[in-house]
Amino acid sequence: MRVIETTGKTIEEAIDIALVELNASREEVEIKVISRGKSGLLGFGNEEAKVKVEKKSDVSENIQIAYEILRNILGFLESDMTITTKLINNDKISDSIISLDGEDAALIIGRRGETLRSLQYLTNLMIQKKLNKRDQLVSLDVEGYIEKKLNNLFQLSKKMESKVLKTKKKVALDPMPSFDRRYVHRYFSDHKKIVSESEDYGRDRHVVLKLK
C-alpha cells in the first residue's frame, strides 16, 4: 500500500498512525492535510483531523525536491518545523500547498509575508534548475497564513461576483499584489457572465470586473 488516509484527535496523531501502517518514516512520505479537525462544545460536534499520506516514490518529482530543499534550509536555520502538504478547496478552486508549521512561524513569514515569498521564490528557482523546467512551481504556506489569505480572496471574489451580477455595472477592486490578482482571475476564468482584467501599473494595479 503506497497511499493511506487516516484520522486522529490531532494532525500529528493521524500522521503517526499512517506512518506505522505504511512502515515508513517522515522522510519517505508526502503528508497532505485534508482536515485539521475541530473541538465541539462539551464534547459534542468534535471532528477528527484527517490526513492523506503517500510514499515518496509515488509523489511528483517537484514536490520531492521541494521537501528536500526545505529540510536543508530548516536544518541550516536549526528549526524543527514540520513539512506537510495540504489541500485548500474553495468551491471551484483547489490548491495543493506545502505547509511549514512550528514555533518559528513568525520568522519564516516575515514582515507582511516578505520572507515567505522569498523562500518560495528560492525554492522554485532551485526546483527549476534541477528539473530544467519552468512549469513545476510549488506554493508555500506557514501556519495557515496563505490559507487564510486564499479564503479571504475567495470570499471577496464571491461578494464582487454578486455585486456585478446585481448592479450590471463594472466594479474596480482595490489595488493588490500579483498573487492576489492571479487568484481573482482564476476565480473568474471560466465564468459565463463576468470577465476580469488587470488595469493600471505598479502599486496601483488592480482587477476590474465587468459583464461579458
N, C-alpha and C. Protein backbone atom coordinates (compact mmCIF):
# COMPACT_ATOMS: atom_id res chain seq x y z
N MET A 1 0.85 -1.19 0.00
CA MET A 1 0.00 0.00 0.00
C MET A 1 0.90 1.24 0.00
N ARG A 2 0.67 2.15 -0.96
CA ARG A 2 1.50 3.34 -1.09
C ARG A 2 0.81 4.60 -0.59
N VAL A 3 -0.53 4.62 -0.56
CA VAL A 3 -1.29 5.79 -0.13
C VAL A 3 -2.30 5.38 0.92
N ILE A 4 -2.44 6.20 1.96
CA ILE A 4 -3.40 5.85 3.00
C ILE A 4 -3.96 7.12 3.62
N GLU A 5 -5.24 7.08 3.99
CA GLU A 5 -5.88 8.18 4.69
C GLU A 5 -6.19 7.73 6.12
N THR A 6 -5.82 8.55 7.09
CA THR A 6 -6.04 8.20 8.49
C THR A 6 -6.60 9.40 9.25
N THR A 7 -7.23 9.11 10.38
CA THR A 7 -7.76 10.17 11.23
C THR A 7 -7.20 10.05 12.63
N GLY A 8 -7.27 11.13 13.38
CA GLY A 8 -6.79 11.14 14.76
C GLY A 8 -7.30 12.37 15.48
N LYS A 9 -7.10 12.43 16.77
CA LYS A 9 -7.54 13.59 17.54
C LYS A 9 -6.79 14.84 17.12
N THR A 10 -5.54 14.67 16.67
CA THR A 10 -4.73 15.78 16.15
C THR A 10 -4.10 15.36 14.82
N ILE A 11 -3.55 16.33 14.10
CA ILE A 11 -2.87 16.02 12.85
C ILE A 11 -1.68 15.10 13.11
N GLU A 12 -0.93 15.39 14.16
CA GLU A 12 0.25 14.58 14.48
C GLU A 12 -0.13 13.13 14.77
N GLU A 13 -1.24 12.94 15.47
CA GLU A 13 -1.68 11.57 15.79
C GLU A 13 -2.07 10.84 14.51
N ALA A 14 -2.79 11.53 13.61
CA ALA A 14 -3.21 10.91 12.35
C ALA A 14 -1.99 10.55 11.50
N ILE A 15 -0.97 11.42 11.50
CA ILE A 15 0.26 11.15 10.75
C ILE A 15 0.99 9.94 11.32
N ASP A 16 1.10 9.89 12.63
CA ASP A 16 1.79 8.77 13.27
C ASP A 16 1.12 7.43 12.94
N ILE A 17 -0.21 7.42 12.92
CA ILE A 17 -0.95 6.18 12.59
C ILE A 17 -0.62 5.76 11.17
N ALA A 18 -0.61 6.73 10.25
CA ALA A 18 -0.33 6.42 8.85
C ALA A 18 1.09 5.90 8.66
N LEU A 19 2.04 6.49 9.35
CA LEU A 19 3.44 6.06 9.23
C LEU A 19 3.63 4.63 9.70
N VAL A 20 2.92 4.27 10.77
CA VAL A 20 3.00 2.90 11.27
C VAL A 20 2.43 1.93 10.24
N GLU A 21 1.26 2.28 9.68
CA GLU A 21 0.61 1.38 8.71
C GLU A 21 1.40 1.26 7.42
N LEU A 22 2.12 2.34 7.04
CA LEU A 22 2.92 2.30 5.81
C LEU A 22 4.34 1.80 6.07
N ASN A 23 4.68 1.66 7.37
CA ASN A 23 6.03 1.26 7.76
C ASN A 23 7.06 2.19 7.12
N ALA A 24 6.84 3.49 7.34
CA ALA A 24 7.70 4.50 6.72
C ALA A 24 8.04 5.60 7.73
N SER A 25 9.10 6.34 7.43
CA SER A 25 9.47 7.49 8.24
C SER A 25 8.95 8.75 7.56
N ARG A 26 9.01 9.88 8.25
CA ARG A 26 8.54 11.14 7.66
C ARG A 26 9.32 11.51 6.41
N GLU A 27 10.60 11.16 6.36
CA GLU A 27 11.43 11.49 5.20
C GLU A 27 11.02 10.72 3.95
N GLU A 28 10.26 9.64 4.13
CA GLU A 28 9.89 8.79 3.00
C GLU A 28 8.50 9.09 2.44
N VAL A 29 7.80 10.06 3.03
CA VAL A 29 6.42 10.29 2.62
C VAL A 29 6.11 11.76 2.35
N GLU A 30 5.01 11.97 1.62
CA GLU A 30 4.40 13.29 1.49
C GLU A 30 3.12 13.26 2.32
N ILE A 31 2.91 14.27 3.12
CA ILE A 31 1.75 14.31 4.01
C ILE A 31 0.81 15.42 3.56
N LYS A 32 -0.41 15.07 3.25
CA LYS A 32 -1.41 16.05 2.81
C LYS A 32 -2.49 16.16 3.88
N VAL A 33 -2.67 17.36 4.43
CA VAL A 33 -3.67 17.58 5.46
C VAL A 33 -5.03 17.82 4.79
N ILE A 34 -5.97 16.93 5.03
CA ILE A 34 -7.32 17.05 4.46
C ILE A 34 -8.20 17.88 5.38
N SER A 35 -8.10 17.64 6.68
CA SER A 35 -8.88 18.39 7.66
C SER A 35 -8.09 18.52 8.95
N ARG A 36 -8.09 19.71 9.54
CA ARG A 36 -7.37 19.94 10.79
C ARG A 36 -8.19 19.50 12.00
N GLY A 37 -9.48 19.17 11.76
CA GLY A 37 -10.35 18.77 12.86
C GLY A 37 -10.81 19.97 13.67
N LYS A 38 -11.73 19.74 14.59
CA LYS A 38 -12.21 20.83 15.43
C LYS A 38 -12.78 20.28 16.73
N SER A 39 -12.77 21.12 17.74
CA SER A 39 -13.30 20.73 19.04
C SER A 39 -14.73 21.24 19.17
N GLY A 40 -15.62 20.37 19.60
CA GLY A 40 -17.01 20.75 19.78
C GLY A 40 -17.25 21.32 21.17
N LEU A 41 -18.47 21.67 21.44
CA LEU A 41 -18.85 22.23 22.73
C LEU A 41 -19.27 21.10 23.66
N LEU A 42 -18.60 21.01 24.81
CA LEU A 42 -18.90 19.98 25.81
C LEU A 42 -18.82 18.57 25.23
N GLY A 43 -17.90 18.40 24.29
CA GLY A 43 -17.69 17.07 23.73
C GLY A 43 -18.58 16.74 22.54
N PHE A 44 -19.51 17.66 22.20
CA PHE A 44 -20.39 17.40 21.07
C PHE A 44 -19.89 18.15 19.83
N GLY A 45 -20.01 17.50 18.69
CA GLY A 45 -19.59 18.13 17.44
C GLY A 45 -18.10 18.06 17.18
N ASN A 46 -17.39 17.20 17.91
CA ASN A 46 -15.96 17.04 17.66
C ASN A 46 -15.73 16.47 16.26
N GLU A 47 -14.66 16.92 15.62
CA GLU A 47 -14.31 16.41 14.30
C GLU A 47 -12.84 16.06 14.29
N GLU A 48 -12.51 14.82 13.94
CA GLU A 48 -11.12 14.38 13.97
C GLU A 48 -10.32 14.96 12.80
N ALA A 49 -9.04 15.12 13.03
CA ALA A 49 -8.14 15.54 11.96
C ALA A 49 -7.98 14.38 10.97
N LYS A 50 -7.78 14.73 9.70
CA LYS A 50 -7.65 13.69 8.66
C LYS A 50 -6.49 14.03 7.74
N VAL A 51 -5.65 13.03 7.46
CA VAL A 51 -4.50 13.25 6.57
C VAL A 51 -4.44 12.14 5.51
N LYS A 52 -3.79 12.49 4.40
CA LYS A 52 -3.51 11.51 3.34
C LYS A 52 -1.99 11.42 3.24
N VAL A 53 -1.46 10.23 3.44
CA VAL A 53 -0.01 10.04 3.45
C VAL A 53 0.38 9.13 2.28
N GLU A 54 1.36 9.60 1.51
CA GLU A 54 1.76 8.89 0.29
C GLU A 54 3.26 8.67 0.27
N LYS A 55 3.67 7.46 -0.07
CA LYS A 55 5.09 7.15 -0.17
C LYS A 55 5.74 8.02 -1.25
N LYS A 56 6.93 8.50 -0.98
CA LYS A 56 7.59 9.45 -1.87
C LYS A 56 7.78 8.93 -3.29
N SER A 57 7.93 7.64 -3.44
CA SER A 57 8.15 7.08 -4.77
C SER A 57 6.98 7.37 -5.70
N ASP A 58 5.80 7.67 -5.13
CA ASP A 58 4.62 7.96 -5.94
C ASP A 58 4.28 9.45 -5.96
N VAL A 59 5.11 10.28 -5.34
CA VAL A 59 4.88 11.71 -5.28
C VAL A 59 5.62 12.39 -6.44
N SER A 60 5.03 13.46 -6.99
CA SER A 60 5.64 14.15 -8.12
C SER A 60 7.05 14.62 -7.76
N GLU A 61 7.90 14.67 -8.77
CA GLU A 61 9.32 14.97 -8.54
C GLU A 61 9.54 16.36 -7.97
N ASN A 62 8.74 17.33 -8.42
CA ASN A 62 8.94 18.69 -7.91
C ASN A 62 8.63 18.80 -6.42
N ILE A 63 7.63 18.04 -5.95
CA ILE A 63 7.29 18.05 -4.52
C ILE A 63 8.41 17.38 -3.72
N GLN A 64 8.94 16.27 -4.24
CA GLN A 64 10.04 15.59 -3.57
C GLN A 64 11.24 16.53 -3.40
N ILE A 65 11.56 17.24 -4.48
CA ILE A 65 12.71 18.15 -4.44
C ILE A 65 12.44 19.31 -3.48
N ALA A 66 11.19 19.81 -3.49
CA ALA A 66 10.82 20.90 -2.58
C ALA A 66 11.00 20.49 -1.13
N TYR A 67 10.57 19.28 -0.80
CA TYR A 67 10.73 18.77 0.56
C TYR A 67 12.21 18.72 0.93
N GLU A 68 13.04 18.24 0.02
CA GLU A 68 14.47 18.12 0.28
C GLU A 68 15.10 19.50 0.50
N ILE A 69 14.73 20.47 -0.35
CA ILE A 69 15.26 21.83 -0.23
C ILE A 69 14.86 22.45 1.11
N LEU A 70 13.59 22.32 1.45
CA LEU A 70 13.08 22.93 2.67
C LEU A 70 13.68 22.29 3.91
N ARG A 71 13.88 20.97 3.89
CA ARG A 71 14.52 20.31 5.04
C ARG A 71 15.94 20.83 5.23
N ASN A 72 16.66 21.05 4.12
CA ASN A 72 18.02 21.57 4.22
C ASN A 72 18.03 22.99 4.77
N ILE A 73 17.10 23.82 4.30
CA ILE A 73 17.03 25.21 4.76
C ILE A 73 16.66 25.26 6.24
N LEU A 74 15.66 24.47 6.63
CA LEU A 74 15.24 24.45 8.03
C LEU A 74 16.36 23.90 8.93
N GLY A 75 17.10 22.93 8.40
CA GLY A 75 18.23 22.39 9.15
C GLY A 75 19.30 23.44 9.36
N PHE A 76 19.57 24.25 8.33
CA PHE A 76 20.55 25.33 8.44
C PHE A 76 20.11 26.36 9.47
N LEU A 77 18.79 26.61 9.53
CA LEU A 77 18.23 27.56 10.48
C LEU A 77 18.05 26.95 11.87
N GLU A 78 18.35 25.65 11.99
CA GLU A 78 18.16 24.91 13.24
C GLU A 78 16.71 25.00 13.70
N SER A 79 15.80 24.88 12.74
CA SER A 79 14.36 24.93 13.02
C SER A 79 13.78 23.53 12.90
N ASP A 80 12.89 23.17 13.83
CA ASP A 80 12.27 21.84 13.79
C ASP A 80 10.84 21.91 13.26
N MET A 81 10.55 22.89 12.41
CA MET A 81 9.21 23.00 11.83
C MET A 81 8.91 21.75 10.99
N THR A 82 7.66 21.32 11.00
CA THR A 82 7.26 20.15 10.22
C THR A 82 6.81 20.58 8.83
N ILE A 83 6.98 19.69 7.86
CA ILE A 83 6.61 19.96 6.47
C ILE A 83 5.49 19.01 6.06
N THR A 84 4.38 19.57 5.63
CA THR A 84 3.26 18.75 5.13
C THR A 84 2.71 19.40 3.86
N THR A 85 1.83 18.68 3.19
CA THR A 85 1.14 19.25 2.04
C THR A 85 -0.34 19.27 2.36
N LYS A 86 -0.98 20.40 2.14
CA LYS A 86 -2.40 20.49 2.44
C LYS A 86 -3.19 20.92 1.20
N LEU A 87 -4.41 20.44 1.13
CA LEU A 87 -5.30 20.77 0.01
C LEU A 87 -6.29 21.82 0.48
N ILE A 88 -6.28 22.96 -0.20
CA ILE A 88 -7.23 24.04 0.10
C ILE A 88 -8.26 24.05 -1.01
N ASN A 89 -9.49 23.77 -0.66
CA ASN A 89 -10.55 23.64 -1.66
C ASN A 89 -11.66 24.63 -1.37
N ASN A 90 -11.74 25.68 -2.19
CA ASN A 90 -12.80 26.67 -2.07
C ASN A 90 -13.70 26.59 -3.30
N ASP A 91 -14.76 25.81 -3.18
CA ASP A 91 -15.73 25.69 -4.26
C ASP A 91 -15.05 25.21 -5.54
N LYS A 92 -14.80 26.10 -6.50
CA LYS A 92 -14.27 25.68 -7.80
C LYS A 92 -12.75 25.83 -7.93
N ILE A 93 -12.08 26.28 -6.87
CA ILE A 93 -10.63 26.44 -6.92
C ILE A 93 -9.97 25.55 -5.87
N SER A 94 -9.05 24.70 -6.33
CA SER A 94 -8.32 23.83 -5.41
C SER A 94 -6.83 24.14 -5.52
N ASP A 95 -6.17 24.21 -4.39
CA ASP A 95 -4.74 24.47 -4.36
C ASP A 95 -4.06 23.46 -3.45
N SER A 96 -2.99 22.86 -3.94
CA SER A 96 -2.17 21.97 -3.13
C SER A 96 -0.94 22.77 -2.71
N ILE A 97 -0.78 22.96 -1.40
CA ILE A 97 0.25 23.85 -0.89
C ILE A 97 1.14 23.14 0.14
N ILE A 98 2.44 23.35 0.04
CA ILE A 98 3.37 22.80 1.02
C ILE A 98 3.35 23.73 2.24
N SER A 99 3.10 23.16 3.40
CA SER A 99 2.95 23.96 4.61
C SER A 99 4.06 23.69 5.62
N LEU A 100 4.58 24.75 6.20
CA LEU A 100 5.56 24.66 7.27
C LEU A 100 4.86 25.08 8.56
N ASP A 101 4.97 24.24 9.57
CA ASP A 101 4.28 24.52 10.83
C ASP A 101 5.22 24.32 12.01
N GLY A 102 5.17 25.27 12.95
CA GLY A 102 6.02 25.15 14.12
C GLY A 102 6.23 26.49 14.81
N GLU A 103 7.11 26.50 15.80
CA GLU A 103 7.32 27.69 16.62
C GLU A 103 8.00 28.83 15.89
N ASP A 104 8.68 28.56 14.79
CA ASP A 104 9.41 29.62 14.06
C ASP A 104 8.57 30.26 12.97
N ALA A 105 7.26 30.15 13.07
CA ALA A 105 6.36 30.65 12.02
C ALA A 105 6.58 32.13 11.71
N ALA A 106 6.65 32.97 12.75
CA ALA A 106 6.80 34.41 12.55
C ALA A 106 8.09 34.73 11.81
N LEU A 107 9.15 33.99 12.13
CA LEU A 107 10.45 34.19 11.47
C LEU A 107 10.36 33.88 9.99
N ILE A 108 9.69 32.79 9.63
CA ILE A 108 9.59 32.37 8.23
C ILE A 108 8.64 33.27 7.44
N ILE A 109 7.57 33.73 8.06
CA ILE A 109 6.61 34.60 7.36
C ILE A 109 7.24 35.96 7.07
N GLY A 110 7.88 36.56 8.09
CA GLY A 110 8.50 37.86 7.91
C GLY A 110 7.48 38.99 7.88
N ARG A 111 7.94 40.18 7.60
CA ARG A 111 7.08 41.36 7.56
C ARG A 111 6.17 41.30 6.34
N ARG A 112 4.87 41.25 6.60
CA ARG A 112 3.85 41.20 5.54
C ARG A 112 4.09 40.05 4.56
N GLY A 113 4.68 38.97 5.06
CA GLY A 113 4.87 37.79 4.22
C GLY A 113 6.07 37.86 3.29
N GLU A 114 6.94 38.87 3.48
CA GLU A 114 8.06 39.05 2.56
C GLU A 114 9.06 37.89 2.61
N THR A 115 9.37 37.40 3.80
CA THR A 115 10.32 36.28 3.93
C THR A 115 9.76 35.01 3.31
N LEU A 116 8.46 34.77 3.52
CA LEU A 116 7.82 33.60 2.95
C LEU A 116 7.85 33.65 1.42
N ARG A 117 7.58 34.82 0.85
CA ARG A 117 7.63 34.96 -0.61
C ARG A 117 9.04 34.72 -1.13
N SER A 118 10.03 35.20 -0.39
CA SER A 118 11.43 34.99 -0.80
C SER A 118 11.80 33.51 -0.74
N LEU A 119 11.34 32.84 0.32
CA LEU A 119 11.62 31.40 0.46
C LEU A 119 10.96 30.62 -0.67
N GLN A 120 9.74 31.00 -1.03
CA GLN A 120 9.04 30.33 -2.12
C GLN A 120 9.78 30.55 -3.45
N TYR A 121 10.23 31.79 -3.68
CA TYR A 121 10.96 32.11 -4.91
C TYR A 121 12.25 31.30 -4.99
N LEU A 122 13.00 31.24 -3.89
CA LEU A 122 14.25 30.50 -3.85
C LEU A 122 14.01 29.01 -4.09
N THR A 123 12.97 28.45 -3.44
CA THR A 123 12.65 27.03 -3.59
C THR A 123 12.31 26.71 -5.05
N ASN A 124 11.48 27.53 -5.66
CA ASN A 124 11.09 27.29 -7.06
C ASN A 124 12.26 27.47 -8.02
N LEU A 125 13.14 28.41 -7.71
CA LEU A 125 14.33 28.63 -8.55
C LEU A 125 15.20 27.38 -8.54
N MET A 126 15.37 26.78 -7.37
CA MET A 126 16.20 25.57 -7.25
C MET A 126 15.52 24.37 -7.90
N ILE A 127 14.19 24.29 -7.81
CA ILE A 127 13.46 23.20 -8.48
C ILE A 127 13.63 23.30 -9.99
N GLN A 128 13.46 24.52 -10.52
CA GLN A 128 13.58 24.72 -11.97
C GLN A 128 14.99 24.40 -12.46
N LYS A 129 15.98 24.74 -11.67
CA LYS A 129 17.36 24.47 -12.06
C LYS A 129 17.64 22.97 -12.07
N LYS A 130 17.08 22.26 -11.09
CA LYS A 130 17.32 20.82 -11.01
C LYS A 130 16.55 20.05 -12.07
N LEU A 131 15.32 20.47 -12.37
CA LEU A 131 14.49 19.76 -13.34
C LEU A 131 14.60 20.34 -14.75
N ASN A 132 15.19 21.54 -14.85
CA ASN A 132 15.28 22.25 -16.13
C ASN A 132 13.89 22.46 -16.74
N LYS A 133 12.92 22.78 -15.88
CA LYS A 133 11.55 23.05 -16.32
C LYS A 133 11.05 24.30 -15.61
N ARG A 134 10.17 25.05 -16.27
CA ARG A 134 9.66 26.29 -15.69
C ARG A 134 8.22 26.16 -15.21
N ASP A 135 7.64 24.97 -15.36
CA ASP A 135 6.22 24.81 -15.02
C ASP A 135 6.01 23.87 -13.83
N GLN A 136 7.04 23.68 -13.00
CA GLN A 136 6.94 22.78 -11.87
C GLN A 136 6.96 23.55 -10.54
N LEU A 137 6.25 24.67 -10.50
CA LEU A 137 6.28 25.53 -9.32
C LEU A 137 5.47 24.97 -8.17
N VAL A 138 5.88 25.33 -6.94
CA VAL A 138 5.16 24.93 -5.74
C VAL A 138 4.79 26.19 -4.96
N SER A 139 3.74 26.09 -4.15
CA SER A 139 3.32 27.20 -3.29
C SER A 139 3.59 26.82 -1.84
N LEU A 140 4.07 27.78 -1.07
CA LEU A 140 4.41 27.54 0.34
C LEU A 140 3.45 28.30 1.26
N ASP A 141 3.22 27.72 2.42
CA ASP A 141 2.42 28.36 3.45
C ASP A 141 3.09 28.13 4.80
N VAL A 142 2.80 28.98 5.75
CA VAL A 142 3.31 28.83 7.12
C VAL A 142 2.17 29.05 8.10
N GLU A 143 1.87 28.03 8.88
CA GLU A 143 0.84 28.12 9.92
C GLU A 143 -0.48 28.70 9.40
N GLY A 144 -0.85 28.34 8.16
CA GLY A 144 -2.14 28.77 7.63
C GLY A 144 -2.19 30.21 7.16
N TYR A 145 -1.04 30.91 7.06
CA TYR A 145 -1.00 32.32 6.65
C TYR A 145 -1.58 32.49 5.24
N ILE A 146 -1.11 31.68 4.29
CA ILE A 146 -1.59 31.77 2.92
C ILE A 146 -3.00 31.19 2.79
N GLU A 147 -3.27 30.14 3.55
CA GLU A 147 -4.61 29.55 3.53
C GLU A 147 -5.66 30.59 3.91
N LYS A 148 -5.38 31.38 4.94
CA LYS A 148 -6.30 32.44 5.36
C LYS A 148 -6.45 33.48 4.27
N LYS A 149 -5.32 33.84 3.61
CA LYS A 149 -5.36 34.82 2.53
C LYS A 149 -6.23 34.31 1.38
N LEU A 150 -6.06 33.02 1.00
CA LEU A 150 -6.85 32.46 -0.09
C LEU A 150 -8.33 32.42 0.25
N ASN A 151 -8.64 32.08 1.49
CA ASN A 151 -10.04 32.06 1.92
C ASN A 151 -10.64 33.46 1.85
N ASN A 152 -9.88 34.47 2.25
CA ASN A 152 -10.35 35.86 2.18
C ASN A 152 -10.56 36.30 0.74
N LEU A 153 -9.64 35.91 -0.14
CA LEU A 153 -9.77 36.26 -1.56
C LEU A 153 -10.98 35.57 -2.19
N PHE A 154 -11.24 34.33 -1.74
CA PHE A 154 -12.41 33.61 -2.25
C PHE A 154 -13.69 34.34 -1.84
N GLN A 155 -13.77 34.75 -0.58
CA GLN A 155 -14.96 35.46 -0.10
C GLN A 155 -15.11 36.80 -0.81
N LEU A 156 -14.00 37.50 -1.05
CA LEU A 156 -14.04 38.77 -1.77
C LEU A 156 -14.54 38.57 -3.20
N SER A 157 -14.00 37.56 -3.88
CA SER A 157 -14.40 37.29 -5.27
C SER A 157 -15.89 36.95 -5.35
N LYS A 158 -16.34 36.15 -4.40
CA LYS A 158 -17.75 35.75 -4.37
C LYS A 158 -18.65 36.97 -4.15
N LYS A 159 -18.23 37.86 -3.24
CA LYS A 159 -19.01 39.07 -2.94
C LYS A 159 -19.07 40.00 -4.16
N MET A 160 -17.93 40.18 -4.83
CA MET A 160 -17.89 41.05 -6.01
C MET A 160 -18.65 40.45 -7.18
N GLU A 161 -18.66 39.12 -7.26
CA GLU A 161 -19.44 38.44 -8.29
C GLU A 161 -20.92 38.80 -8.14
N SER A 162 -21.43 38.73 -6.93
CA SER A 162 -22.83 39.06 -6.67
C SER A 162 -23.12 40.52 -6.99
N LYS A 163 -22.16 41.39 -6.66
CA LYS A 163 -22.35 42.83 -6.90
C LYS A 163 -22.44 43.14 -8.39
N VAL A 164 -21.57 42.55 -9.19
CA VAL A 164 -21.59 42.80 -10.63
C VAL A 164 -22.88 42.28 -11.25
N LEU A 165 -23.27 41.08 -10.87
CA LEU A 165 -24.50 40.48 -11.42
C LEU A 165 -25.74 41.28 -11.02
N LYS A 166 -25.71 41.86 -9.83
CA LYS A 166 -26.87 42.60 -9.33
C LYS A 166 -26.97 44.00 -9.94
N THR A 167 -25.84 44.71 -10.00
CA THR A 167 -25.86 46.09 -10.48
C THR A 167 -25.69 46.20 -11.99
N LYS A 168 -25.16 45.14 -12.62
CA LYS A 168 -24.88 45.14 -14.06
C LYS A 168 -23.82 46.19 -14.43
N LYS A 169 -23.05 46.63 -13.44
CA LYS A 169 -22.05 47.66 -13.68
C LYS A 169 -20.64 47.13 -13.44
N LYS A 170 -19.67 47.82 -14.04
CA LYS A 170 -18.26 47.45 -13.86
C LYS A 170 -17.83 47.75 -12.42
N VAL A 171 -17.05 46.85 -11.84
CA VAL A 171 -16.57 47.02 -10.47
C VAL A 171 -15.05 46.95 -10.46
N ALA A 172 -14.42 47.98 -9.86
CA ALA A 172 -12.97 48.01 -9.73
C ALA A 172 -12.57 47.65 -8.30
N LEU A 173 -11.74 46.65 -8.14
CA LEU A 173 -11.26 46.25 -6.81
C LEU A 173 -10.11 47.15 -6.39
N ASP A 174 -9.80 47.16 -5.11
CA ASP A 174 -8.66 47.93 -4.62
C ASP A 174 -7.37 47.36 -5.19
N PRO A 175 -6.32 48.18 -5.31
CA PRO A 175 -5.02 47.67 -5.76
C PRO A 175 -4.56 46.52 -4.88
N MET A 176 -3.97 45.51 -5.50
CA MET A 176 -3.50 44.34 -4.76
C MET A 176 -2.28 43.75 -5.43
N PRO A 177 -1.45 42.99 -4.70
CA PRO A 177 -0.26 42.37 -5.29
C PRO A 177 -0.62 41.31 -6.31
N SER A 178 0.37 40.90 -7.10
CA SER A 178 0.14 39.97 -8.21
C SER A 178 -0.44 38.64 -7.74
N PHE A 179 0.01 38.14 -6.57
CA PHE A 179 -0.50 36.87 -6.05
C PHE A 179 -2.01 36.93 -5.87
N ASP A 180 -2.50 38.03 -5.29
CA ASP A 180 -3.93 38.20 -5.05
C ASP A 180 -4.70 38.35 -6.36
N ARG A 181 -4.14 39.13 -7.28
CA ARG A 181 -4.82 39.33 -8.58
C ARG A 181 -4.95 38.02 -9.33
N ARG A 182 -3.90 37.20 -9.29
CA ARG A 182 -3.97 35.91 -10.01
C ARG A 182 -5.10 35.05 -9.48
N TYR A 183 -5.31 35.07 -8.17
CA TYR A 183 -6.39 34.26 -7.59
C TYR A 183 -7.74 34.75 -8.09
N VAL A 184 -7.94 36.07 -8.10
CA VAL A 184 -9.22 36.62 -8.57
C VAL A 184 -9.44 36.26 -10.04
N HIS A 185 -8.39 36.35 -10.85
CA HIS A 185 -8.51 35.98 -12.26
C HIS A 185 -8.87 34.49 -12.41
N ARG A 186 -8.28 33.65 -11.57
CA ARG A 186 -8.60 32.22 -11.61
C ARG A 186 -10.07 31.99 -11.27
N TYR A 187 -10.57 32.74 -10.29
CA TYR A 187 -11.96 32.58 -9.86
C TYR A 187 -12.92 32.86 -11.03
N PHE A 188 -12.59 33.87 -11.82
CA PHE A 188 -13.49 34.27 -12.91
C PHE A 188 -13.07 33.73 -14.28
N SER A 189 -12.05 32.87 -14.32
CA SER A 189 -11.52 32.41 -15.61
C SER A 189 -12.54 31.69 -16.48
N ASP A 190 -13.43 30.91 -15.87
CA ASP A 190 -14.42 30.16 -16.64
C ASP A 190 -15.84 30.68 -16.42
N HIS A 191 -15.94 31.90 -15.91
CA HIS A 191 -17.27 32.45 -15.60
C HIS A 191 -18.03 32.73 -16.90
N LYS A 192 -19.29 32.39 -16.91
CA LYS A 192 -20.10 32.53 -18.12
C LYS A 192 -20.57 33.97 -18.37
N LYS A 193 -20.60 34.80 -17.32
CA LYS A 193 -21.15 36.14 -17.47
C LYS A 193 -20.17 37.27 -17.15
N ILE A 194 -19.11 36.97 -16.39
CA ILE A 194 -18.20 38.02 -15.93
C ILE A 194 -16.78 37.77 -16.43
N VAL A 195 -16.11 38.85 -16.81
CA VAL A 195 -14.71 38.77 -17.22
C VAL A 195 -13.88 39.65 -16.29
N SER A 196 -12.67 39.23 -15.99
CA SER A 196 -11.79 40.01 -15.12
C SER A 196 -10.58 40.49 -15.91
N GLU A 197 -10.15 41.74 -15.63
CA GLU A 197 -9.00 42.32 -16.30
C GLU A 197 -8.17 43.10 -15.29
N SER A 198 -6.86 43.16 -15.51
CA SER A 198 -5.99 43.98 -14.66
C SER A 198 -5.74 45.31 -15.35
N GLU A 199 -5.79 46.39 -14.57
CA GLU A 199 -5.57 47.72 -15.11
C GLU A 199 -4.57 48.49 -14.26
N ASP A 200 -3.97 49.51 -14.86
CA ASP A 200 -3.01 50.40 -14.20
C ASP A 200 -1.65 49.71 -14.03
N TYR A 201 -0.72 50.39 -13.33
CA TYR A 201 0.64 49.87 -13.22
C TYR A 201 1.16 50.00 -11.79
N GLY A 202 2.20 49.21 -11.50
CA GLY A 202 2.87 49.28 -10.21
C GLY A 202 1.94 49.03 -9.05
N ARG A 203 2.06 49.87 -8.02
CA ARG A 203 1.26 49.68 -6.82
C ARG A 203 -0.21 50.00 -7.03
N ASP A 204 -0.53 50.64 -8.16
CA ASP A 204 -1.93 50.99 -8.45
C ASP A 204 -2.63 49.91 -9.27
N ARG A 205 -1.92 48.86 -9.63
CA ARG A 205 -2.52 47.83 -10.49
C ARG A 205 -3.63 47.10 -9.72
N HIS A 206 -4.77 46.95 -10.37
CA HIS A 206 -5.94 46.38 -9.72
C HIS A 206 -6.77 45.57 -10.70
N VAL A 207 -7.73 44.82 -10.18
CA VAL A 207 -8.61 44.00 -11.03
C VAL A 207 -9.93 44.72 -11.25
N VAL A 208 -10.39 44.65 -12.49
CA VAL A 208 -11.70 45.21 -12.86
C VAL A 208 -12.59 44.07 -13.34
N LEU A 209 -13.80 44.02 -12.82
CA LEU A 209 -14.79 43.01 -13.20
C LEU A 209 -15.92 43.66 -13.99
N LYS A 210 -16.34 43.00 -15.05
CA LYS A 210 -17.45 43.53 -15.84
C LYS A 210 -18.16 42.41 -16.57
N LEU A 211 -19.38 42.68 -16.98
CA LEU A 211 -20.15 41.69 -17.72
C LEU A 211 -19.58 41.49 -19.11
N LYS A 212 -19.68 40.27 -19.62
CA LYS A 212 -19.17 39.98 -20.96
C LYS A 212 -20.08 40.61 -22.00
